[in-house]
Amino acid sequence: MVDRLPMVLLAIMGGLLVFYGVKKIVDARATASWPTAMGTVLAAEVSKAPGVGATYYWVADLVFRYTVGTATYTSSRYW
């Protein structure tokens, strides 16, 4: 039984990774049925953020406004 433990753990980890991947695909496909809305970018800024070691990566900060039905929303969350 002890000699099979690595295989059992590998199978469990593989199953969890497959489950996570399938969940991401299902969530992504659900967005296709979301309604679209026109929006206006109110502010946009690009800056550098520290990465690993001496590297960095670019970060976009946005503020936008959009209307759905009769409600108007302002947000900076776009992910």
PDB file of N, CA and C in Angstrom:
ATOM      1  N   MET A   1       0.823  -1.198   0.000  1.00  0.00           N
ATOM      2  CA  MET A   1       0.000   0.000   0.000  1.00  0.00           C
ATOM      3  C   MET A   1       0.860   1.252   0.000  1.00  0.00           C
ATOM      4  N   VAL A   2       1.936   1.269   0.785  1.00  0.00           N
ATOM      5  CA  VAL A   2       2.803   2.438   0.876  1.00  0.00           C
ATOM      6  C   VAL A   2       3.473   2.724  -0.469  1.00  0.00           C
ATOM      7  N   ASP A   3       3.805   1.680  -1.225  1.00  0.00           N
ATOM      8  CA  ASP A   3       4.459   1.879  -2.513  1.00  0.00           C
ATOM      9  C   ASP A   3       3.505   2.472  -3.556  1.00  0.00           C
ATOM     10  N   ARG A   4       2.200   2.425  -3.327  1.00  0.00           N
ATOM     11  CA  ARG A   4       1.222   3.007  -4.247  1.00  0.00           C
ATOM     12  C   ARG A   4       0.832   4.435  -3.874  1.00  0.00           C
ATOM     13  N   LEU A   5       1.281   4.910  -2.742  1.00  0.00           N
ATOM     14  CA  LEU A   5       0.913   6.243  -2.263  1.00  0.00           C
ATOM     15  C   LEU A   5       1.266   7.350  -3.258  1.00  0.00           C
ATOM     16  N   PRO A   6       2.469   7.360  -3.841  1.00  0.00           N
ATOM     17  CA  PRO A   6       2.754   8.415  -4.821  1.00  0.00           C
ATOM     18  C   PRO A   6       1.790   8.412  -6.004  1.00  0.00           C
ATOM     19  N   MET A   7       1.406   7.237  -6.481  1.00  0.00           N
ATOM     20  CA  MET A   7       0.474   7.154  -7.602  1.00  0.00           C
ATOM     21  C   MET A   7      -0.916   7.655  -7.211  1.00  0.00           C
ATOM     22  N   VAL A   8      -1.344   7.333  -5.996  1.00  0.00           N
ATOM     23  CA  VAL A   8      -2.650   7.796  -5.518  1.00  0.00           C
ATOM     24  C   VAL A   8      -2.651   9.310  -5.391  1.00  0.00           C
ATOM     25  N   LEU A   9      -1.592   9.873  -4.814  1.00  0.00           N
ATOM     26  CA  LEU A   9      -1.497  11.327  -4.677  1.00  0.00           C
ATOM     27  C   LEU A   9      -1.447  12.009  -6.044  1.00  0.00           C
ATOM     28  N   LEU A  10      -0.721  11.420  -6.982  1.00  0.00           N
ATOM     29  CA  LEU A  10      -0.645  11.967  -8.328  1.00  0.00           C
ATOM     30  C   LEU A  10      -2.017  11.933  -9.003  1.00  0.00           C
ATOM     31  N   ALA A  11      -2.757  10.859  -8.822  1.00  0.00           N
ATOM     32  CA  ALA A  11      -4.093  10.743  -9.404  1.00  0.00           C
ATOM     33  C   ALA A  11      -5.041  11.775  -8.792  1.00  0.00           C
ATOM     34  N   ILE A  12      -4.941  11.988  -7.495  1.00  0.00           N
ATOM     35  CA  ILE A  12      -5.796  12.981  -6.827  1.00  0.00           C
ATOM     36  C   ILE A  12      -5.461  14.379  -7.339  1.00  0.00           C
ATOM     37  N   MET A  13      -4.183  14.705  -7.411  1.00  0.00           N
ATOM     38  CA  MET A  13      -3.769  16.024  -7.902  1.00  0.00           C
ATOM     39  C   MET A  13      -4.196  16.224  -9.355  1.00  0.00           C
ATOM     40  N   GLY A  14      -4.040  15.197 -10.162  1.00  0.00           N
ATOM     41  CA  GLY A  14      -4.470  15.281 -11.559  1.00  0.00           C
ATOM     42  C   GLY A  14      -5.967  15.510 -11.672  1.00  0.00           C
ATOM     43  N   GLY A  15      -6.729  14.808 -10.849  1.00  0.00           N
ATOM     44  CA  GLY A  15      -8.182  14.991 -10.848  1.00  0.00           C
ATOM     45  C   GLY A  15      -8.583  16.396 -10.440  1.00  0.00           C
ATOM     46  N   LEU A  16      -7.901  16.938  -9.436  1.00  0.00           N
ATOM     47  CA  LEU A  16      -8.189  18.313  -9.001  1.00  0.00           C
ATOM     48  C   LEU A  16      -7.855  19.319 -10.097  1.00  0.00           C
ATOM     49  N   LEU A  17      -6.743  19.111 -10.778  1.00  0.00           N
ATOM     50  CA  LEU A  17      -6.369  20.023 -11.865  1.00  0.00           C
ATOM     51  C   LEU A  17      -7.362  19.953 -13.019  1.00  0.00           C
ATOM     52  N   VAL A  18      -7.824  18.760 -13.357  1.00  0.00           N
ATOM     53  CA  VAL A  18      -8.826  18.611 -14.415  1.00  0.00           C
ATOM     54  C   VAL A  18     -10.124  19.293 -14.004  1.00  0.00           C
ATOM     55  N   PHE A  19     -10.552  19.100 -12.765  1.00  0.00           N
ATOM     56  CA  PHE A  19     -11.771  19.745 -12.266  1.00  0.00           C
ATOM     57  C   PHE A  19     -11.652  21.260 -12.355  1.00  0.00           C
ATOM     58  N   TYR A  20     -10.515  21.805 -11.916  1.00  0.00           N
ATOM     59  CA  TYR A  20     -10.296  23.250 -11.960  1.00  0.00           C
ATOM     60  C   TYR A  20     -10.340  23.752 -13.398  1.00  0.00           C
ATOM     61  N   GLY A  21      -9.702  23.047 -14.318  1.00  0.00           N
ATOM     62  CA  GLY A  21      -9.696  23.446 -15.722  1.00  0.00           C
ATOM     63  C   GLY A  21     -11.083  23.417 -16.341  1.00  0.00           C
ATOM     64  N   VAL A  22     -11.838  22.381 -16.060  1.00  0.00           N
ATOM     65  CA  VAL A  22     -13.200  22.280 -16.599  1.00  0.00           C
ATOM     66  C   VAL A  22     -14.070  23.393 -16.032  1.00  0.00           C
ATOM     67  N   LYS A  23     -13.915  23.703 -14.752  1.00  0.00           N
ATOM     68  CA  LYS A  23     -14.686  24.787 -14.139  1.00  0.00           C
ATOM     69  C   LYS A  23     -14.370  26.114 -14.809  1.00  0.00           C
ATOM     70  N   LYS A  24     -13.107  26.371 -15.104  1.00  0.00           N
ATOM     71  CA  LYS A  24     -12.719  27.607 -15.787  1.00  0.00           C
ATOM     72  C   LYS A  24     -13.339  27.676 -17.186  1.00  0.00           C
ATOM     73  N   ILE A  25     -13.370  26.570 -17.892  1.00  0.00           N
ATOM     74  CA  ILE A  25     -13.956  26.542 -19.234  1.00  0.00           C
ATOM     75  C   ILE A  25     -15.450  26.809 -19.158  1.00  0.00           C
ATOM     76  N   VAL A  26     -16.133  26.185 -18.208  1.00  0.00           N
ATOM     77  CA  VAL A  26     -17.580  26.392 -18.046  1.00  0.00           C
ATOM     78  C   VAL A  26     -17.864  27.854 -17.704  1.00  0.00           C
ATOM     79  N   ASP A  27     -17.078  28.435 -16.791  1.00  0.00           N
ATOM     80  CA  ASP A  27     -17.266  29.840 -16.428  1.00  0.00           C
ATOM     81  C   ASP A  27     -17.026  30.751 -17.628  1.00  0.00           C
ATOM     82  N   ALA A  28     -15.998  30.468 -18.417  1.00  0.00           N
ATOM     83  CA  ALA A  28     -15.689  31.294 -19.582  1.00  0.00           C
ATOM     84  C   ALA A  28     -16.801  31.219 -20.624  1.00  0.00           C
ATOM     85  N   ARG A  29     -17.342  30.045 -20.845  1.00  0.00           N
ATOM     86  CA  ARG A  29     -18.430  29.904 -21.824  1.00  0.00           C
ATOM     87  C   ARG A  29     -19.697  30.612 -21.358  1.00  0.00           C
ATOM     88  N   ALA A  30     -19.908  30.693 -20.053  1.00  0.00           N
ATOM     89  CA  ALA A  30     -21.098  31.365 -19.529  1.00  0.00           C
ATOM     90  C   ALA A  30     -21.080  32.852 -19.872  1.00  0.00           C
ATOM     91  N   THR A  31     -19.893  33.442 -19.991  1.00  0.00           N
ATOM     92  CA  THR A  31     -19.820  34.873 -20.282  1.00  0.00           C
ATOM     93  C   THR A  31     -20.341  35.208 -21.671  1.00  0.00           C
ATOM     94  N   ALA A  32     -20.403  34.230 -22.562  1.00  0.00           N
ATOM     95  CA  ALA A  32     -20.915  34.484 -23.911  1.00  0.00           C
ATOM     96  C   ALA A  32     -22.380  34.899 -23.890  1.00  0.00           C
ATOM     97  N   SER A  33     -23.120  34.505 -22.876  1.00  0.00           N
ATOM     98  CA  SER A  33     -24.537  34.849 -22.803  1.00  0.00           C
ATOM     99  C   SER A  33     -24.791  36.134 -22.011  1.00  0.00           C
ATOM    100  N   TRP A  34     -23.750  36.753 -21.502  1.00  0.00           N
ATOM    101  CA  TRP A  34     -23.930  38.006 -20.761  1.00  0.00           C
ATOM    102  C   TRP A  34     -24.333  39.122 -21.722  1.00  0.00           C
ATOM    103  N   PRO A  35     -25.150  40.040 -21.262  1.00  0.00           N
ATOM    104  CA  PRO A  35     -25.513  41.169 -22.128  1.00  0.00           C
ATOM    105  C   PRO A  35     -24.311  42.108 -22.302  1.00  0.00           C
ATOM    106  N   THR A  36     -24.299  42.801 -23.432  1.00  0.00           N
ATOM    107  CA  THR A  36     -23.236  43.774 -23.660  1.00  0.00           C
ATOM    108  C   THR A  36     -23.730  45.166 -23.291  1.00  0.00           C
ATOM    109  N   ALA A  37     -22.800  46.051 -23.027  1.00  0.00           N
ATOM    110  CA  ALA A  37     -23.153  47.426 -22.674  1.00  0.00           C
ATOM    111  C   ALA A  37     -22.076  48.353 -23.223  1.00  0.00           C
ATOM    112  N   MET A  38     -22.490  49.512 -23.653  1.00  0.00           N
ATOM    113  CA  MET A  38     -21.544  50.535 -24.082  1.00  0.00           C
ATOM    114  C   MET A  38     -20.992  51.219 -22.836  1.00  0.00           C
ATOM    115  N   GLY A  39     -19.741  51.599 -22.922  1.00  0.00           N
ATOM    116  CA  GLY A  39     -19.121  52.254 -21.777  1.00  0.00           C
ATOM    117  C   GLY A  39     -18.217  53.383 -22.215  1.00  0.00           C
ATOM    118  N   THR A  40     -17.787  54.167 -21.245  1.00  0.00           N
ATOM    119  CA  THR A  40     -16.886  55.280 -21.478  1.00  0.00           C
ATOM    120  C   THR A  40     -15.711  55.166 -20.529  1.00  0.00           C
ATOM    121  N   VAL A  41     -14.499  55.243 -21.060  1.00  0.00           N
ATOM    122  CA  VAL A  41     -13.306  55.232 -20.214  1.00  0.00           C
ATOM    123  C   VAL A  41     -13.126  56.642 -19.663  1.00  0.00           C
ATOM    124  N   LEU A  42     -13.119  56.753 -18.345  1.00  0.00           N
ATOM    125  CA  LEU A  42     -12.975  58.046 -17.690  1.00  0.00           C
ATOM    126  C   LEU A  42     -11.518  58.390 -17.406  1.00  0.00           C
ATOM    127  N   ALA A  43     -10.711  57.375 -17.130  1.00  0.00           N
ATOM    128  CA  ALA A  43      -9.288  57.581 -16.848  1.00  0.00           C
ATOM    129  C   ALA A  43      -8.534  56.310 -17.186  1.00  0.00           C
ATOM    130  N   ALA A  44      -7.308  56.478 -17.660  1.00  0.00           N
ATOM    131  CA  ALA A  44      -6.463  55.331 -17.977  1.00  0.00           C
ATOM    132  C   ALA A  44      -5.019  55.698 -17.666  1.00  0.00           C
ATOM    133  N   GLU A  45      -4.321  54.774 -17.031  1.00  0.00           N
ATOM    134  CA  GLU A  45      -2.928  55.001 -16.676  1.00  0.00           C
ATOM    135  C   GLU A  45      -2.177  53.682 -16.766  1.00  0.00           C
ATOM    136  N   VAL A  46      -0.978  53.733 -17.307  1.00  0.00           N
ATOM    137  CA  VAL A  46      -0.132  52.550 -17.398  1.00  0.00           C
ATOM    138  C   VAL A  46       1.085  52.785 -16.520  1.00  0.00           C
ATOM    139  N   SER A  47       1.411  51.791 -15.700  1.00  0.00           N
ATOM    140  CA  SER A  47       2.571  51.915 -14.816  1.00  0.00           C
ATOM    141  C   SER A  47       3.308  50.585 -14.768  1.00  0.00           C
ATOM    142  N   LYS A  48       4.486  50.617 -14.166  1.00  0.00           N
ATOM    143  CA  LYS A  48       5.281  49.403 -14.003  1.00  0.00           C
ATOM    144  C   LYS A  48       5.091  48.870 -12.588  1.00  0.00           C
ATOM    145  N   ALA A  49       5.022  47.568 -12.479  1.00  0.00           N
ATOM    146  CA  ALA A  49       4.935  46.906 -11.178  1.00  0.00           C
ATOM    147  C   ALA A  49       6.125  45.955 -11.058  1.00  0.00           C
ATOM    148  N   PRO A  50       6.657  45.811  -9.850  1.00  0.00           N
ATOM    149  CA  PRO A  50       7.811  44.926  -9.693  1.00  0.00           C
ATOM    150  C   PRO A  50       7.451  43.473  -9.947  1.00  0.00           C
ATOM    151  N   GLY A  51       8.379  42.783 -10.574  1.00  0.00           N
ATOM    152  CA  GLY A  51       8.218  41.356 -10.822  1.00  0.00           C
ATOM    153  C   GLY A  51       9.226  40.586  -9.989  1.00  0.00           C
ATOM    154  N   VAL A  52       9.614  39.443 -10.478  1.00  0.00           N
ATOM    155  CA  VAL A  52      10.577  38.598  -9.783  1.00  0.00           C
ATOM    156  C   VAL A  52      11.983  39.077 -10.125  1.00  0.00           C
ATOM    157  N   GLY A  53      12.798  39.250  -9.115  1.00  0.00           N
ATOM    158  CA  GLY A  53      14.170  39.697  -9.340  1.00  0.00           C
ATOM    159  C   GLY A  53      14.203  41.117  -9.846  1.00  0.00           C
ATOM    160  N   ALA A  54      14.927  41.337 -10.939  1.00  0.00           N
ATOM    161  CA  ALA A  54      15.067  42.674 -11.492  1.00  0.00           C
ATOM    162  C   ALA A  54      14.049  42.945 -12.601  1.00  0.00           C
ATOM    163  N   THR A  55      13.079  42.075 -12.776  1.00  0.00           N
ATOM    164  CA  THR A  55      12.091  42.246 -13.843  1.00  0.00           C
ATOM    165  C   THR A  55      10.904  43.070 -13.364  1.00  0.00           C
ATOM    166  N   TYR A  56      10.110  43.495 -14.285  1.00  0.00           N
ATOM    167  CA  TYR A  56       8.885  44.217 -13.973  1.00  0.00           C
ATOM    168  C   TYR A  56       7.845  43.859 -15.030  1.00  0.00           C
ATOM    169  N   TYR A  57       6.612  44.276 -14.791  1.00  0.00           N
ATOM    170  CA  TYR A  57       5.569  44.077 -15.786  1.00  0.00           C
ATOM    171  C   TYR A  57       4.672  45.303 -15.803  1.00  0.00           C
ATOM    172  N   TRP A  58       3.979  45.488 -16.915  1.00  0.00           N
ATOM    173  CA  TRP A  58       3.123  46.658 -17.098  1.00  0.00           C
ATOM    174  C   TRP A  58       1.744  46.403 -16.509  1.00  0.00           C
ATOM    175  N   VAL A  59       1.185  47.428 -15.897  1.00  0.00           N
ATOM    176  CA  VAL A  59      -0.131  47.345 -15.272  1.00  0.00           C
ATOM    177  C   VAL A  59      -0.994  48.485 -15.813  1.00  0.00           C
ATOM    178  N   ALA A  60      -2.202  48.172 -16.241  1.00  0.00           N
ATOM    179  CA  ALA A  60      -3.135  49.191 -16.720  1.00  0.00           C
ATOM    180  C   ALA A  60      -4.178  49.446 -15.642  1.00  0.00           C
ATOM    181  N   ASP A  61      -4.343  50.699 -15.284  1.00  0.00           N
ATOM    182  CA  ASP A  61      -5.385  51.107 -14.342  1.00  0.00           C
ATOM    183  C   ASP A  61      -6.439  51.884 -15.119  1.00  0.00           C
ATOM    184  N   LEU A  62      -7.667  51.402 -15.061  1.00  0.00           N
ATOM    185  CA  LEU A  62      -8.767  52.030 -15.785  1.00  0.00           C
ATOM    186  C   LEU A  62      -9.876  52.427 -14.836  1.00  0.00           C
ATOM    187  N   VAL A  63     -10.563  53.492 -15.172  1.00  0.00           N
ATOM    188  CA  VAL A  63     -11.824  53.850 -14.516  1.00  0.00           C
ATOM    189  C   VAL A  63     -12.809  54.053 -15.655  1.00  0.00           C
ATOM    190  N   PHE A  64     -13.952  53.405 -15.577  1.00  0.00           N
ATOM    191  CA  PHE A  64     -14.910  53.488 -16.666  1.00  0.00           C
ATOM    192  C   PHE A  64     -16.325  53.552 -16.125  1.00  0.00           C
ATOM    193  N   ARG A  65     -17.223  54.016 -16.993  1.00  0.00           N
ATOM    194  CA  ARG A  65     -18.641  54.127 -16.641  1.00  0.00           C
ATOM    195  C   ARG A  65     -19.442  53.424 -17.721  1.00  0.00           C
ATOM    196  N   TYR A  66     -20.468  52.685 -17.298  1.00  0.00           N
ATOM    197  CA  TYR A  66     -21.331  52.002 -18.261  1.00  0.00           C
ATOM    198  C   TYR A  66     -22.758  51.990 -17.735  1.00  0.00           C
ATOM    199  N   THR A  67     -23.696  51.799 -18.645  1.00  0.00           N
ATOM    200  CA  THR A  67     -25.114  51.820 -18.299  1.00  0.00           C
ATOM    201  C   THR A  67     -25.750  50.501 -18.698  1.00  0.00           C
ATOM    202  N   VAL A  68     -26.522  49.943 -17.782  1.00  0.00           N
ATOM    203  CA  VAL A  68     -27.303  48.734 -18.035  1.00  0.00           C
ATOM    204  C   VAL A  68     -28.744  49.085 -17.677  1.00  0.00           C
ATOM    205  N   GLY A  69     -29.614  49.083 -18.690  1.00  0.00           N
ATOM    206  CA  GLY A  69     -30.990  49.498 -18.452  1.00  0.00           C
ATOM    207  C   GLY A  69     -31.012  50.967 -18.076  1.00  0.00           C
ATOM    208  N   THR A  70     -31.528  51.264 -16.894  1.00  0.00           N
ATOM    209  CA  THR A  70     -31.576  52.655 -16.434  1.00  0.00           C
ATOM    210  C   THR A  70     -30.530  52.948 -15.365  1.00  0.00           C
ATOM    211  N   ALA A  71     -29.746  51.948 -14.995  1.00  0.00           N
ATOM    212  CA  ALA A  71     -28.731  52.127 -13.945  1.00  0.00           C
ATOM    213  C   ALA A  71     -27.360  52.406 -14.570  1.00  0.00           C
ATOM    214  N   THR A  72     -26.661  53.394 -14.030  1.00  0.00           N
ATOM    215  CA  THR A  72     -25.315  53.733 -14.476  1.00  0.00           C
ATOM    216  C   THR A  72     -24.326  53.336 -13.395  1.00  0.00           C
ATOM    217  N   TYR A  73     -23.231  52.705 -13.805  1.00  0.00           N
ATOM    218  CA  TYR A  73     -22.215  52.214 -12.879  1.00  0.00           C
ATOM    219  C   TYR A  73     -20.860  52.821 -13.243  1.00  0.00           C
ATOM    220  N   THR A  74     -20.052  53.059 -12.237  1.00  0.00           N
ATOM    221  CA  THR A  74     -18.658  53.464 -12.427  1.00  0.00           C
ATOM    222  C   THR A  74     -17.804  52.443 -11.708  1.00  0.00           C
ATOM    223  N   SER A  75     -16.731  51.997 -12.369  1.00  0.00           N
ATOM    224  CA  SER A  75     -15.915  50.944 -11.800  1.00  0.00           C
ATOM    225  C   SER A  75     -14.478  51.048 -12.270  1.00  0.00           C
ATOM    226  N   SER A  76     -13.597  50.386 -11.555  1.00  0.00           N
ATOM    227  CA  SER A  76     -12.205  50.236 -12.000  1.00  0.00           C
ATOM    228  C   SER A  76     -11.841  48.754 -12.038  1.00  0.00           C
ATOM    229  N   ARG A  77     -12.812  47.914 -11.819  1.00  0.00           N
ATOM    230  CA  ARG A  77     -12.577  46.474 -11.835  1.00  0.00           C
ATOM    231  C   ARG A  77     -12.915  45.931 -13.220  1.00  0.00           C
ATOM    232  N   TYR A  78     -11.927  45.392 -13.896  1.00  0.00           N
ATOM    233  CA  TYR A  78     -12.155  44.893 -15.245  1.00  0.00           C
ATOM    234  C   TYR A  78     -11.666  43.477 -15.459  1.00  0.00           C
ATOM    235  N   TRP A  79     -11.313  42.754 -14.460  1.00  0.00           N
ATOM    236  CA  TRP A  79     -10.892  41.368 -14.591  1.00  0.00           C
ATOM    237  C   TRP A  79     -11.860  40.447 -13.974  1.00  0.00           C
TER     238      TRP A  79
END
